[in-house]
Amino acid sequence: MTSIAQILGELQAQRKQAETELGRIDSAISALQGLSGKGNAGRAGAPRRRVMSAAARKRIADAQRVRWAKWKAKQKKVA
């Protein structure tokens, strides 16, 4: 029977191998992005977040409050 310590040791070794492999993959990706000239200076592969004005957030919040009020009113009628 395998002890928990042995299993833990094997899992830690596998994790270290995976981290090493991930580092190699990251290096390869960086090299390829450098060759293509399309590399991201910031976060790799992450899309830019859209900026929303305070007025737009307020309109969305107000609309959601109206939807919730309708839903809650309907729930009171059913109950």
N, C-alpha and C. Protein backbone atom coordinates (compact mmCIF):
# COMPACT_ATOMS: atom_id res chain seq x y z
N MET A 1 0.84 -1.18 0.00
CA MET A 1 0.00 0.00 0.00
C MET A 1 0.89 1.24 0.00
N THR A 2 0.52 2.21 -0.82
CA THR A 2 1.29 3.43 -0.95
C THR A 2 0.86 4.42 0.13
N SER A 3 1.86 5.04 0.75
CA SER A 3 1.54 5.98 1.81
C SER A 3 1.20 7.34 1.20
N ILE A 4 0.57 8.15 1.98
CA ILE A 4 0.18 9.49 1.56
C ILE A 4 1.42 10.32 1.25
N ALA A 5 2.48 10.13 2.02
CA ALA A 5 3.72 10.88 1.80
C ALA A 5 4.31 10.57 0.43
N GLN A 6 4.27 9.30 0.02
CA GLN A 6 4.79 8.91 -1.29
C GLN A 6 3.94 9.53 -2.41
N ILE A 7 2.64 9.47 -2.23
CA ILE A 7 1.74 10.05 -3.23
C ILE A 7 1.98 11.55 -3.34
N LEU A 8 2.12 12.21 -2.20
CA LEU A 8 2.37 13.65 -2.18
C LEU A 8 3.69 13.97 -2.88
N GLY A 9 4.71 13.19 -2.64
CA GLY A 9 6.00 13.39 -3.29
C GLY A 9 5.91 13.23 -4.80
N GLU A 10 5.17 12.22 -5.26
CA GLU A 10 5.00 12.00 -6.69
C GLU A 10 4.24 13.17 -7.33
N LEU A 11 3.20 13.64 -6.65
CA LEU A 11 2.42 14.75 -7.18
C LEU A 11 3.26 16.03 -7.26
N GLN A 12 4.09 16.27 -6.26
CA GLN A 12 4.95 17.45 -6.27
C GLN A 12 5.97 17.36 -7.41
N ALA A 13 6.50 16.17 -7.67
CA ALA A 13 7.45 16.00 -8.77
C ALA A 13 6.76 16.24 -10.11
N GLN A 14 5.54 15.73 -10.26
CA GLN A 14 4.80 15.95 -11.50
C GLN A 14 4.48 17.42 -11.69
N ARG A 15 4.18 18.11 -10.59
CA ARG A 15 3.89 19.54 -10.68
C ARG A 15 5.12 20.31 -11.15
N LYS A 16 6.28 19.95 -10.61
CA LYS A 16 7.53 20.62 -11.00
C LYS A 16 7.81 20.38 -12.48
N GLN A 17 7.58 19.17 -12.96
CA GLN A 17 7.77 18.88 -14.38
C GLN A 17 6.81 19.71 -15.24
N ALA A 18 5.58 19.83 -14.79
CA ALA A 18 4.58 20.61 -15.54
C ALA A 18 4.97 22.09 -15.58
N GLU A 19 5.49 22.62 -14.47
CA GLU A 19 5.92 24.02 -14.44
C GLU A 19 7.09 24.24 -15.39
N THR A 20 8.01 23.28 -15.44
CA THR A 20 9.14 23.38 -16.36
C THR A 20 8.65 23.38 -17.81
N GLU A 21 7.74 22.49 -18.10
CA GLU A 21 7.17 22.40 -19.45
C GLU A 21 6.43 23.68 -19.80
N LEU A 22 5.70 24.23 -18.87
CA LEU A 22 4.97 25.48 -19.10
C LEU A 22 5.94 26.62 -19.39
N GLY A 23 7.05 26.67 -18.69
CA GLY A 23 8.06 27.68 -18.95
C GLY A 23 8.62 27.57 -20.36
N ARG A 24 8.85 26.34 -20.81
CA ARG A 24 9.34 26.14 -22.18
C ARG A 24 8.31 26.57 -23.20
N ILE A 25 7.05 26.26 -22.95
CA ILE A 25 5.98 26.65 -23.87
C ILE A 25 5.87 28.16 -23.92
N ASP A 26 5.92 28.82 -22.77
CA ASP A 26 5.87 30.28 -22.72
C ASP A 26 7.02 30.90 -23.51
N SER A 27 8.21 30.33 -23.38
CA SER A 27 9.36 30.83 -24.12
C SER A 27 9.15 30.69 -25.63
N ALA A 28 8.60 29.54 -26.03
CA ALA A 28 8.35 29.32 -27.45
C ALA A 28 7.31 30.30 -27.99
N ILE A 29 6.28 30.55 -27.22
CA ILE A 29 5.24 31.50 -27.62
C ILE A 29 5.83 32.90 -27.76
N SER A 30 6.64 33.30 -26.79
CA SER A 30 7.26 34.62 -26.84
C SER A 30 8.15 34.75 -28.07
N ALA A 31 8.91 33.71 -28.35
CA ALA A 31 9.80 33.75 -29.51
C ALA A 31 9.00 33.87 -30.80
N LEU A 32 7.93 33.12 -30.91
CA LEU A 32 7.11 33.18 -32.13
C LEU A 32 6.41 34.52 -32.27
N GLN A 33 5.96 35.10 -31.15
CA GLN A 33 5.33 36.41 -31.22
C GLN A 33 6.36 37.46 -31.64
N GLY A 34 7.57 37.32 -31.20
CA GLY A 34 8.62 38.25 -31.59
C GLY A 34 8.93 38.17 -33.07
N LEU A 35 8.87 36.96 -33.63
CA LEU A 35 9.13 36.78 -35.05
C LEU A 35 8.02 37.37 -35.91
N SER A 36 6.78 37.22 -35.45
CA SER A 36 5.65 37.68 -36.25
C SER A 36 5.44 39.19 -36.12
N GLY A 37 6.02 39.80 -35.08
CA GLY A 37 5.85 41.23 -34.89
C GLY A 37 4.49 41.61 -34.34
N LYS A 38 3.72 40.62 -33.90
CA LYS A 38 2.38 40.88 -33.39
C LYS A 38 2.28 40.60 -31.90
N GLY A 39 3.37 40.67 -31.20
CA GLY A 39 3.36 40.36 -29.77
C GLY A 39 2.65 41.42 -28.97
N ASN A 40 2.05 41.01 -27.87
CA ASN A 40 1.40 41.93 -26.94
C ASN A 40 2.43 42.44 -25.96
N ALA A 41 2.45 43.74 -25.75
CA ALA A 41 3.36 44.30 -24.76
C ALA A 41 2.82 44.05 -23.35
N GLY A 42 1.49 44.01 -23.21
CA GLY A 42 0.87 43.82 -21.90
C GLY A 42 0.59 42.37 -21.62
N ARG A 43 -0.64 42.10 -21.25
CA ARG A 43 -1.03 40.74 -20.92
C ARG A 43 -1.12 39.92 -22.21
N ALA A 44 -0.49 38.78 -22.22
CA ALA A 44 -0.45 37.95 -23.42
C ALA A 44 -1.82 37.34 -23.70
N GLY A 45 -2.38 37.64 -24.85
CA GLY A 45 -3.62 37.03 -25.28
C GLY A 45 -4.87 37.56 -24.64
N ALA A 46 -4.77 38.47 -23.71
CA ALA A 46 -5.95 38.97 -23.02
C ALA A 46 -6.55 40.13 -23.81
N PRO A 47 -7.85 40.09 -24.05
CA PRO A 47 -8.47 41.20 -24.77
C PRO A 47 -8.54 42.45 -23.90
N ARG A 48 -8.58 43.60 -24.54
CA ARG A 48 -8.67 44.85 -23.79
C ARG A 48 -10.07 44.97 -23.20
N ARG A 49 -10.15 45.53 -22.03
CA ARG A 49 -11.44 45.72 -21.37
C ARG A 49 -12.07 46.99 -21.89
N ARG A 50 -13.37 46.94 -22.08
CA ARG A 50 -14.08 48.11 -22.55
C ARG A 50 -14.34 49.07 -21.40
N VAL A 51 -14.22 50.34 -21.70
CA VAL A 51 -14.44 51.37 -20.70
C VAL A 51 -15.89 51.83 -20.82
N MET A 52 -16.57 51.91 -19.70
CA MET A 52 -17.97 52.32 -19.69
C MET A 52 -18.10 53.56 -18.82
N SER A 53 -18.84 54.53 -19.32
CA SER A 53 -19.01 55.76 -18.57
C SER A 53 -19.90 55.53 -17.35
N ALA A 54 -19.84 56.45 -16.42
CA ALA A 54 -20.67 56.36 -15.22
C ALA A 54 -22.15 56.45 -15.60
N ALA A 55 -22.47 57.27 -16.59
CA ALA A 55 -23.86 57.41 -17.01
C ALA A 55 -24.38 56.10 -17.60
N ALA A 56 -23.54 55.41 -18.37
CA ALA A 56 -23.95 54.13 -18.96
C ALA A 56 -24.17 53.09 -17.86
N ARG A 57 -23.28 53.05 -16.87
CA ARG A 57 -23.46 52.11 -15.75
C ARG A 57 -24.74 52.40 -15.00
N LYS A 58 -25.06 53.69 -14.83
CA LYS A 58 -26.28 54.08 -14.13
C LYS A 58 -27.51 53.64 -14.91
N ARG A 59 -27.51 53.83 -16.23
CA ARG A 59 -28.65 53.40 -17.05
C ARG A 59 -28.85 51.89 -16.94
N ILE A 60 -27.76 51.14 -17.00
CA ILE A 60 -27.85 49.68 -16.90
C ILE A 60 -28.37 49.28 -15.52
N ALA A 61 -27.87 49.91 -14.47
CA ALA A 61 -28.31 49.58 -13.11
C ALA A 61 -29.79 49.92 -12.93
N ASP A 62 -30.20 51.07 -13.45
CA ASP A 62 -31.61 51.46 -13.33
C ASP A 62 -32.51 50.47 -14.06
N ALA A 63 -32.10 50.07 -15.26
CA ALA A 63 -32.89 49.11 -16.02
C ALA A 63 -32.99 47.78 -15.28
N GLN A 64 -31.90 47.35 -14.66
CA GLN A 64 -31.91 46.10 -13.90
C GLN A 64 -32.83 46.20 -12.70
N ARG A 65 -32.83 47.36 -12.03
CA ARG A 65 -33.73 47.54 -10.88
C ARG A 65 -35.18 47.45 -11.32
N VAL A 66 -35.50 48.01 -12.49
CA VAL A 66 -36.87 47.93 -13.00
C VAL A 66 -37.23 46.47 -13.28
N ARG A 67 -36.31 45.72 -13.90
CA ARG A 67 -36.59 44.30 -14.17
C ARG A 67 -36.82 43.53 -12.89
N TRP A 68 -35.98 43.78 -11.86
CA TRP A 68 -36.15 43.09 -10.60
C TRP A 68 -37.48 43.47 -9.94
N ALA A 69 -37.85 44.73 -10.01
CA ALA A 69 -39.11 45.16 -9.41
C ALA A 69 -40.29 44.46 -10.07
N LYS A 70 -40.26 44.34 -11.39
CA LYS A 70 -41.33 43.63 -12.11
C LYS A 70 -41.38 42.17 -11.67
N TRP A 71 -40.21 41.55 -11.58
CA TRP A 71 -40.16 40.14 -11.21
C TRP A 71 -40.68 39.93 -9.79
N LYS A 72 -40.26 40.81 -8.86
CA LYS A 72 -40.71 40.68 -7.48
C LYS A 72 -42.21 40.93 -7.35
N ALA A 73 -42.74 41.87 -8.13
CA ALA A 73 -44.18 42.13 -8.11
C ALA A 73 -44.94 40.91 -8.61
N LYS A 74 -44.42 40.28 -9.64
CA LYS A 74 -45.07 39.09 -10.19
C LYS A 74 -45.02 37.94 -9.16
N GLN A 75 -43.91 37.82 -8.42
CA GLN A 75 -43.80 36.78 -7.42
C GLN A 75 -44.79 36.99 -6.27
N LYS A 76 -45.07 38.23 -5.90
CA LYS A 76 -46.01 38.52 -4.85
C LYS A 76 -47.43 38.13 -5.28
N LYS A 77 -47.76 38.37 -6.56
CA LYS A 77 -49.09 38.02 -7.06
C LYS A 77 -49.29 36.51 -7.08
N VAL A 78 -48.25 35.76 -7.40
CA VAL A 78 -48.34 34.30 -7.47
C VAL A 78 -48.48 33.72 -6.07
N ALA A 79 -47.78 34.27 -5.11
CA ALA A 79 -47.76 33.72 -3.75
C ALA A 79 -48.98 34.05 -2.97
